[in-house]
Amino acid sequence: MNKSILWLIGLLFVTSLSIVSCSETDGTEDPYANWEEHNQRYIDSIATVAEANRGNGEGQWKIIRSYKLPSLGLNETGKIIDNVYCKIQKVGDGTESPIATDTVAVNYRGQLINGTVFDQSYQGELDPETATPRKFLVGAVIAGWSTALMKGFGGMKAGDQWKLYIPYPLAYGKDGTEGIPGYSTLIFDVNLVDIFPLKGTGKSIDDALDAKK
């Protein structure tokens, strides 16, 4: 096993243990104590491993700068929190990536760095043959998702399965949203099932998905 992967496993284990601390008043555990600090350390460690294992094959990583940010100059490196870190779990047989006006059908699970699942389209282990994907407009989701999906940026293709690590500025920012505290790094397991261009082909999205089963 790659040494950097072993290093990451150890670091993330220590990080997960340190996330939970006790309240000073009643002794109960606070899963969000020092949340901003823990999330920063977590994404820093992910960035280190991703940088050491870049590539386009299964088990390798892509580092993708947010589509909302200007391109970097020749000697510029940018910030860690400007990027989405994508581990390629499976390479599909699709040939095209979606654009902002396309609708995509995806299976996904989203969780926080402490393991809390805040949203998912399937239960248990993913079985693409039986899972019911959800549909989203590419340009209407959080910046981290759009960046990983879109042609010319991340470029997921139909059949791909990636694990996305999205820093808080490309997710729900400093304020967070319901069920997601501010400064949260989001971790998504994403399986891109299909892509539906804006103009369509005469079939409804639901009919096209039914035909795949």
C-alpha atoms as a PDB file:
ATOM      1  CA  MET A   1       0.000   0.000   0.000  1.00  0.00           C
ATOM      2  CA  ASN A   2       1.258   3.504  -0.840  1.00  0.00           C
ATOM      3  CA  LYS A   3       2.991   5.096   2.160  1.00  0.00           C
ATOM      4  CA  SER A   4       1.002   8.295   1.718  1.00  0.00           C
ATOM      5  CA  ILE A   5      -2.246   6.326   1.989  1.00  0.00           C
ATOM      6  CA  LEU A   6      -1.075   4.676   5.214  1.00  0.00           C
ATOM      7  CA  TRP A   7      -0.092   8.093   6.537  1.00  0.00           C
ATOM      8  CA  LEU A   8      -3.534   9.468   5.676  1.00  0.00           C
ATOM      9  CA  ILE A   9      -5.335   6.596   7.391  1.00  0.00           C
ATOM     10  CA  GLY A  10      -3.369   7.201  10.577  1.00  0.00           C
ATOM     11  CA  LEU A  11      -3.862  10.949  10.513  1.00  0.00           C
ATOM     12  CA  LEU A  12      -7.586  10.734   9.836  1.00  0.00           C
ATOM     13  CA  PHE A  13      -7.998   8.221  12.656  1.00  0.00           C
ATOM     14  CA  VAL A  14      -6.324  10.600  15.089  1.00  0.00           C
ATOM     15  CA  THR A  15      -8.359  13.506  13.716  1.00  0.00           C
ATOM     16  CA  SER A  16     -11.631  11.622  14.143  1.00  0.00           C
ATOM     17  CA  LEU A  17     -10.774  10.810  17.750  1.00  0.00           C
ATOM     18  CA  SER A  18      -9.945  14.419  18.522  1.00  0.00           C
ATOM     19  CA  ILE A  19     -13.147  15.809  17.006  1.00  0.00           C
ATOM     20  CA  VAL A  20     -15.297  14.651  19.923  1.00  0.00           C
ATOM     21  CA  SER A  21     -14.741  16.512  23.184  1.00  0.00           C
ATOM     22  CA  CYS A  22     -16.704  16.906  26.384  1.00  0.00           C
ATOM     23  CA  SER A  23     -18.844  19.873  27.307  1.00  0.00           C
ATOM     24  CA  GLU A  24     -17.466  21.852  30.238  1.00  0.00           C
ATOM     25  CA  THR A  25     -20.921  22.074  31.803  1.00  0.00           C
ATOM     26  CA  ASP A  26     -22.513  18.626  31.662  1.00  0.00           C
ATOM     27  CA  GLY A  27     -19.833  16.202  30.485  1.00  0.00           C
ATOM     28  CA  THR A  28     -21.685  15.288  27.285  1.00  0.00           C
ATOM     29  CA  GLU A  29     -19.740  14.879  24.085  1.00  0.00           C
ATOM     30  CA  ASP A  30     -19.813  17.724  21.584  1.00  0.00           C
ATOM     31  CA  PRO A  31     -19.245  16.313  18.078  1.00  0.00           C
ATOM     32  CA  TYR A  32     -18.665  19.821  16.699  1.00  0.00           C
ATOM     33  CA  ALA A  33     -16.101  21.132  19.184  1.00  0.00           C
ATOM     34  CA  ASN A  34     -13.299  23.109  17.476  1.00  0.00           C
ATOM     35  CA  TRP A  35     -15.098  22.367  14.227  1.00  0.00           C
ATOM     36  CA  GLU A  36     -13.366  24.905  11.996  1.00  0.00           C
ATOM     37  CA  GLU A  37      -9.911  23.788  13.133  1.00  0.00           C
ATOM     38  CA  HIS A  38     -10.660  20.081  12.674  1.00  0.00           C
ATOM     39  CA  ASN A  39     -12.088  20.624   9.213  1.00  0.00           C
ATOM     40  CA  GLN A  40      -9.053  22.637   8.142  1.00  0.00           C
ATOM     41  CA  ARG A  41      -6.671  19.938   9.353  1.00  0.00           C
ATOM     42  CA  TYR A  42      -8.743  17.290   7.612  1.00  0.00           C
ATOM     43  CA  ILE A  43      -8.783  18.972   4.205  1.00  0.00           C
ATOM     44  CA  ASP A  44      -5.067  19.768   4.528  1.00  0.00           C
ATOM     45  CA  SER A  45      -4.345  16.057   4.987  1.00  0.00           C
ATOM     46  CA  ILE A  46      -6.562  15.129   2.042  1.00  0.00           C
ATOM     47  CA  ALA A  47      -4.784  17.678  -0.163  1.00  0.00           C
ATOM     48  CA  THR A  48      -1.392  16.185   0.732  1.00  0.00           C
ATOM     49  CA  VAL A  49      -2.433  12.668  -0.255  1.00  0.00           C
ATOM     50  CA  ALA A  50      -4.231  13.835  -3.401  1.00  0.00           C
ATOM     51  CA  GLU A  51      -1.157  15.753  -4.553  1.00  0.00           C
ATOM     52  CA  ALA A  52       1.021  12.659  -4.104  1.00  0.00           C
ATOM     53  CA  ASN A  53      -1.362  10.386  -6.035  1.00  0.00           C
ATOM     54  CA  ARG A  54      -2.622  12.419  -8.980  1.00  0.00           C
ATOM     55  CA  GLY A  55      -3.802  10.590 -12.069  1.00  0.00           C
ATOM     56  CA  ASN A  56      -6.813   9.483 -14.080  1.00  0.00           C
ATOM     57  CA  GLY A  57      -7.026   5.815 -13.111  1.00  0.00           C
ATOM     58  CA  GLU A  58      -8.944   3.998 -10.417  1.00  0.00           C
ATOM     59  CA  GLY A  59      -7.479   4.682  -6.986  1.00  0.00           C
ATOM     60  CA  GLN A  60      -5.860   7.914  -8.178  1.00  0.00           C
ATOM     61  CA  TRP A  61      -6.869  11.492  -7.456  1.00  0.00           C
ATOM     62  CA  LYS A  62      -7.856  14.636  -9.309  1.00  0.00           C
ATOM     63  CA  ILE A  63      -7.387  18.096  -7.834  1.00  0.00           C
ATOM     64  CA  ILE A  64      -9.801  20.500  -9.487  1.00  0.00           C
ATOM     65  CA  ARG A  65      -9.834  24.247  -8.958  1.00  0.00           C
ATOM     66  CA  SER A  66     -13.290  25.762  -8.444  1.00  0.00           C
ATOM     67  CA  TYR A  67     -14.910  26.748 -11.713  1.00  0.00           C
ATOM     68  CA  LYS A  68     -15.936  30.035 -10.081  1.00  0.00           C
ATOM     69  CA  LEU A  69     -12.330  31.160  -9.593  1.00  0.00           C
ATOM     70  CA  PRO A  70      -9.998  32.640 -12.228  1.00  0.00           C
ATOM     71  CA  SER A  71      -7.258  30.453 -13.652  1.00  0.00           C
ATOM     72  CA  LEU A  72      -3.908  30.520 -11.882  1.00  0.00           C
ATOM     73  CA  GLY A  73      -0.819  32.147 -13.325  1.00  0.00           C
ATOM     74  CA  LEU A  74       2.283  30.168 -14.246  1.00  0.00           C
ATOM     75  CA  ASN A  75       3.919  30.307 -10.800  1.00  0.00           C
ATOM     76  CA  GLU A  76       0.775  30.517  -8.675  1.00  0.00           C
ATOM     77  CA  THR A  77      -0.385  27.636  -6.501  1.00  0.00           C
ATOM     78  CA  GLY A  78      -3.656  28.889  -5.013  1.00  0.00           C
ATOM     79  CA  LYS A  79      -5.184  27.869  -1.701  1.00  0.00           C
ATOM     80  CA  ILE A  80      -6.051  24.356  -0.554  1.00  0.00           C
ATOM     81  CA  ILE A  81      -9.659  25.433   0.017  1.00  0.00           C
ATOM     82  CA  ASP A  82      -9.954  26.582  -3.618  1.00  0.00           C
ATOM     83  CA  ASN A  83     -10.004  22.980  -4.853  1.00  0.00           C
ATOM     84  CA  VAL A  84     -12.199  19.905  -4.903  1.00  0.00           C
ATOM     85  CA  TYR A  85     -10.267  16.699  -4.169  1.00  0.00           C
ATOM     86  CA  CYS A  86     -11.624  13.706  -6.071  1.00  0.00           C
ATOM     87  CA  LYS A  87     -10.631  10.082  -5.545  1.00  0.00           C
ATOM     88  CA  ILE A  88     -11.521   7.962  -8.566  1.00  0.00           C
ATOM     89  CA  GLN A  89     -13.193   4.792  -7.324  1.00  0.00           C
ATOM     90  CA  LYS A  90     -14.478   3.489 -10.651  1.00  0.00           C
ATOM     91  CA  VAL A  91     -14.037   4.603 -14.252  1.00  0.00           C
ATOM     92  CA  GLY A  92     -17.267   4.335 -16.217  1.00  0.00           C
ATOM     93  CA  ASP A  93     -17.842   3.793 -19.922  1.00  0.00           C
ATOM     94  CA  GLY A  94     -19.257   7.250 -20.666  1.00  0.00           C
ATOM     95  CA  THR A  95     -17.495   9.516 -23.154  1.00  0.00           C
ATOM     96  CA  GLU A  96     -18.965  12.947 -22.423  1.00  0.00           C
ATOM     97  CA  SER A  97     -19.110  15.208 -19.370  1.00  0.00           C
ATOM     98  CA  PRO A  98     -22.096  17.445 -18.573  1.00  0.00           C
ATOM     99  CA  ILE A  99     -22.255  21.211 -18.897  1.00  0.00           C
ATOM    100  CA  ALA A 100     -23.986  23.660 -16.558  1.00  0.00           C
ATOM    101  CA  THR A 101     -27.360  23.502 -18.331  1.00  0.00           C
ATOM    102  CA  ASP A 102     -27.518  19.695 -18.356  1.00  0.00           C
ATOM    103  CA  THR A 103     -29.462  17.604 -15.874  1.00  0.00           C
ATOM    104  CA  VAL A 104     -27.663  14.655 -14.306  1.00  0.00           C
ATOM    105  CA  ALA A 105     -28.946  11.527 -12.579  1.00  0.00           C
ATOM    106  CA  VAL A 106     -26.733  10.513  -9.663  1.00  0.00           C
ATOM    107  CA  ASN A 107     -26.529   8.106  -6.767  1.00  0.00           C
ATOM    108  CA  TYR A 108     -24.831   9.762  -3.823  1.00  0.00           C
ATOM    109  CA  ARG A 109     -24.193   9.875  -0.099  1.00  0.00           C
ATOM    110  CA  GLY A 110     -22.981  12.981   1.753  1.00  0.00           C
ATOM    111  CA  GLN A 111     -21.352  13.036   5.160  1.00  0.00           C
ATOM    112  CA  LEU A 112     -19.335  15.240   7.484  1.00  0.00           C
ATOM    113  CA  ILE A 113     -15.800  14.475   8.641  1.00  0.00           C
ATOM    114  CA  ASN A 114     -17.136  12.948  11.876  1.00  0.00           C
ATOM    115  CA  GLY A 115     -19.128  10.392   9.875  1.00  0.00           C
ATOM    116  CA  THR A 116     -22.536  12.072  10.198  1.00  0.00           C
ATOM    117  CA  VAL A 117     -24.583  11.340   7.062  1.00  0.00           C
ATOM    118  CA  PHE A 118     -26.664  14.399   6.148  1.00  0.00           C
ATOM    119  CA  ASP A 119     -28.111  13.273   2.818  1.00  0.00           C
ATOM    120  CA  GLN A 120     -28.191  10.153   0.658  1.00  0.00           C
ATOM    121  CA  SER A 121     -30.076   8.641  -2.249  1.00  0.00           C
ATOM    122  CA  TYR A 122     -29.499   5.012  -1.245  1.00  0.00           C
ATOM    123  CA  GLN A 123     -29.170   2.888   1.880  1.00  0.00           C
ATOM    124  CA  GLY A 124     -26.283   0.571   2.766  1.00  0.00           C
ATOM    125  CA  GLU A 125     -23.767  -0.284   0.061  1.00  0.00           C
ATOM    126  CA  LEU A 126     -24.409   1.210  -3.365  1.00  0.00           C
ATOM    127  CA  ASP A 127     -25.840  -1.176  -5.946  1.00  0.00           C
ATOM    128  CA  PRO A 128     -26.183   0.822  -9.181  1.00  0.00           C
ATOM    129  CA  GLU A 129     -28.489  -1.852 -10.595  1.00  0.00           C
ATOM    130  CA  THR A 130     -31.164  -1.321  -7.949  1.00  0.00           C
ATOM    131  CA  ALA A 131     -30.543   2.222  -6.650  1.00  0.00           C
ATOM    132  CA  THR A 132     -32.928   4.992  -7.695  1.00  0.00           C
ATOM    133  CA  PRO A 133     -30.854   8.010  -8.747  1.00  0.00           C
ATOM    134  CA  ARG A 134     -31.844  11.587  -8.057  1.00  0.00           C
ATOM    135  CA  LYS A 135     -31.789  14.301 -10.674  1.00  0.00           C
ATOM    136  CA  PHE A 136     -30.094  17.711 -10.478  1.00  0.00           C
ATOM    137  CA  LEU A 137     -29.338  20.616 -12.780  1.00  0.00           C
ATOM    138  CA  VAL A 138     -25.534  20.795 -12.893  1.00  0.00           C
ATOM    139  CA  GLY A 139     -25.409  24.560 -12.518  1.00  0.00           C
ATOM    140  CA  ALA A 140     -27.817  24.591  -9.567  1.00  0.00           C
ATOM    141  CA  VAL A 141     -25.835  22.522  -7.046  1.00  0.00           C
ATOM    142  CA  ILE A 142     -23.018  23.621  -4.731  1.00  0.00           C
ATOM    143  CA  ALA A 143     -19.837  24.820  -6.439  1.00  0.00           C
ATOM    144  CA  GLY A 144     -17.881  21.739  -5.377  1.00  0.00           C
ATOM    145  CA  TRP A 145     -20.302  19.404  -7.133  1.00  0.00           C
ATOM    146  CA  SER A 146     -20.528  21.514 -10.290  1.00  0.00           C
ATOM    147  CA  THR A 147     -16.741  21.730 -10.444  1.00  0.00           C
ATOM    148  CA  ALA A 148     -16.327  17.950 -10.254  1.00  0.00           C
ATOM    149  CA  LEU A 149     -19.069  17.280 -12.797  1.00  0.00           C
ATOM    150  CA  MET A 150     -18.613  19.836 -15.539  1.00  0.00           C
ATOM    151  CA  LYS A 151     -16.888  19.422 -18.856  1.00  0.00           C
ATOM    152  CA  GLY A 152     -13.701  21.456 -18.941  1.00  0.00           C
ATOM    153  CA  PHE A 153     -13.253  21.245 -15.169  1.00  0.00           C
ATOM    154  CA  GLY A 154     -13.623  17.912 -13.389  1.00  0.00           C
ATOM    155  CA  GLY A 155     -15.443  16.125 -16.122  1.00  0.00           C
ATOM    156  CA  MET A 156     -17.182  13.116 -14.568  1.00  0.00           C
ATOM    157  CA  LYS A 157     -18.638  10.790 -17.174  1.00  0.00           C
ATOM    158  CA  ALA A 158     -21.547   8.360 -17.039  1.00  0.00           C
ATOM    159  CA  GLY A 159     -20.659   5.330 -14.951  1.00  0.00           C
ATOM    160  CA  ASP A 160     -17.915   7.081 -12.985  1.00  0.00           C
ATOM    161  CA  GLN A 161     -17.834   6.711  -9.215  1.00  0.00           C
ATOM    162  CA  TRP A 162     -15.800   9.315  -7.338  1.00  0.00           C
ATOM    163  CA  LYS A 163     -15.342  10.292  -3.724  1.00  0.00           C
ATOM    164  CA  LEU A 164     -15.421  14.086  -3.449  1.00  0.00           C
ATOM    165  CA  TYR A 165     -13.825  16.093  -0.634  1.00  0.00           C
ATOM    166  CA  ILE A 166     -15.249  19.604  -0.789  1.00  0.00           C
ATOM    167  CA  PRO A 167     -13.860  22.441   1.400  1.00  0.00           C
ATOM    168  CA  TYR A 168     -16.397  24.710   3.068  1.00  0.00           C
ATOM    169  CA  PRO A 169     -16.063  27.706   0.644  1.00  0.00           C
ATOM    170  CA  LEU A 170     -17.202  25.417  -2.191  1.00  0.00           C
ATOM    171  CA  ALA A 171     -20.026  23.971  -0.085  1.00  0.00           C
ATOM    172  CA  TYR A 172     -22.131  25.873   2.486  1.00  0.00           C
ATOM    173  CA  GLY A 173     -19.523  28.349   3.663  1.00  0.00           C
ATOM    174  CA  LYS A 174     -19.070  29.824   7.121  1.00  0.00           C
ATOM    175  CA  ASP A 175     -22.791  29.851   7.922  1.00  0.00           C
ATOM    176  CA  GLY A 176     -23.682  26.286   6.957  1.00  0.00           C
ATOM    177  CA  THR A 177     -27.237  25.118   6.369  1.00  0.00           C
ATOM    178  CA  GLU A 178     -29.740  22.837   8.084  1.00  0.00           C
ATOM    179  CA  GLY A 179     -27.886  19.779   9.380  1.00  0.00           C
ATOM    180  CA  ILE A 180     -24.506  21.089   8.208  1.00  0.00           C
ATOM    181  CA  PRO A 181     -22.514  23.407  10.519  1.00  0.00           C
ATOM    182  CA  GLY A 182     -20.490  26.289   9.131  1.00  0.00           C
ATOM    183  CA  TYR A 183     -16.923  25.523   7.996  1.00  0.00           C
ATOM    184  CA  SER A 184     -17.851  21.932   7.157  1.00  0.00           C
ATOM    185  CA  THR A 185     -15.808  19.926   4.686  1.00  0.00           C
ATOM    186  CA  LEU A 186     -18.274  17.719   2.828  1.00  0.00           C
ATOM    187  CA  ILE A 187     -17.497  14.173   1.707  1.00  0.00           C
ATOM    188  CA  PHE A 188     -19.607  12.740  -1.097  1.00  0.00           C
ATOM    189  CA  ASP A 189     -19.659   9.325  -2.705  1.00  0.00           C
ATOM    190  CA  VAL A 190     -21.006  10.085  -6.179  1.00  0.00           C
ATOM    191  CA  ASN A 191     -21.999   7.739  -8.997  1.00  0.00           C
ATOM    192  CA  LEU A 192     -22.914   9.600 -12.191  1.00  0.00           C
ATOM    193  CA  VAL A 193     -25.628   7.493 -13.825  1.00  0.00           C
ATOM    194  CA  ASP A 194     -26.596   9.561 -16.865  1.00  0.00           C
ATOM    195  CA  ILE A 195     -26.543  13.009 -18.459  1.00  0.00           C
ATOM    196  CA  PHE A 196     -29.526  14.754 -20.053  1.00  0.00           C
ATOM    197  CA  PRO A 197     -28.794  17.795 -22.267  1.00  0.00           C
ATOM    198  CA  LEU A 198     -31.139  20.756 -22.045  1.00  0.00           C
ATOM    199  CA  LYS A 199     -32.633  20.180 -25.503  1.00  0.00           C
ATOM    200  CA  GLY A 200     -33.289  16.510 -24.796  1.00  0.00           C
ATOM    201  CA  THR A 201     -33.964  13.749 -27.297  1.00  0.00           C
ATOM    202  CA  GLY A 202     -37.743  13.578 -27.124  1.00  0.00           C
ATOM    203  CA  LYS A 203     -37.716  11.170 -24.173  1.00  0.00           C
ATOM    204  CA  SER A 204     -38.406  12.283 -20.658  1.00  0.00           C
ATOM    205  CA  ILE A 205     -35.630  11.845 -18.106  1.00  0.00           C
ATOM    206  CA  ASP A 206     -37.724   9.346 -16.160  1.00  0.00           C
ATOM    207  CA  ASP A 207     -38.378   7.269 -19.288  1.00  0.00           C
ATOM    208  CA  ALA A 208     -34.679   7.232 -20.122  1.00  0.00           C
ATOM    209  CA  LEU A 209     -33.768   6.069 -16.623  1.00  0.00           C
ATOM    210  CA  ASP A 210     -36.432   3.356 -16.709  1.00  0.00           C
ATOM    211  CA  ALA A 211     -34.970   2.083 -19.982  1.00  0.00           C
ATOM    212  CA  LYS A 212     -31.612   1.571 -18.277  1.00  0.00           C
ATOM    213  CA  LYS A 213     -33.047  -0.851 -15.711  1.00  0.00           C
END
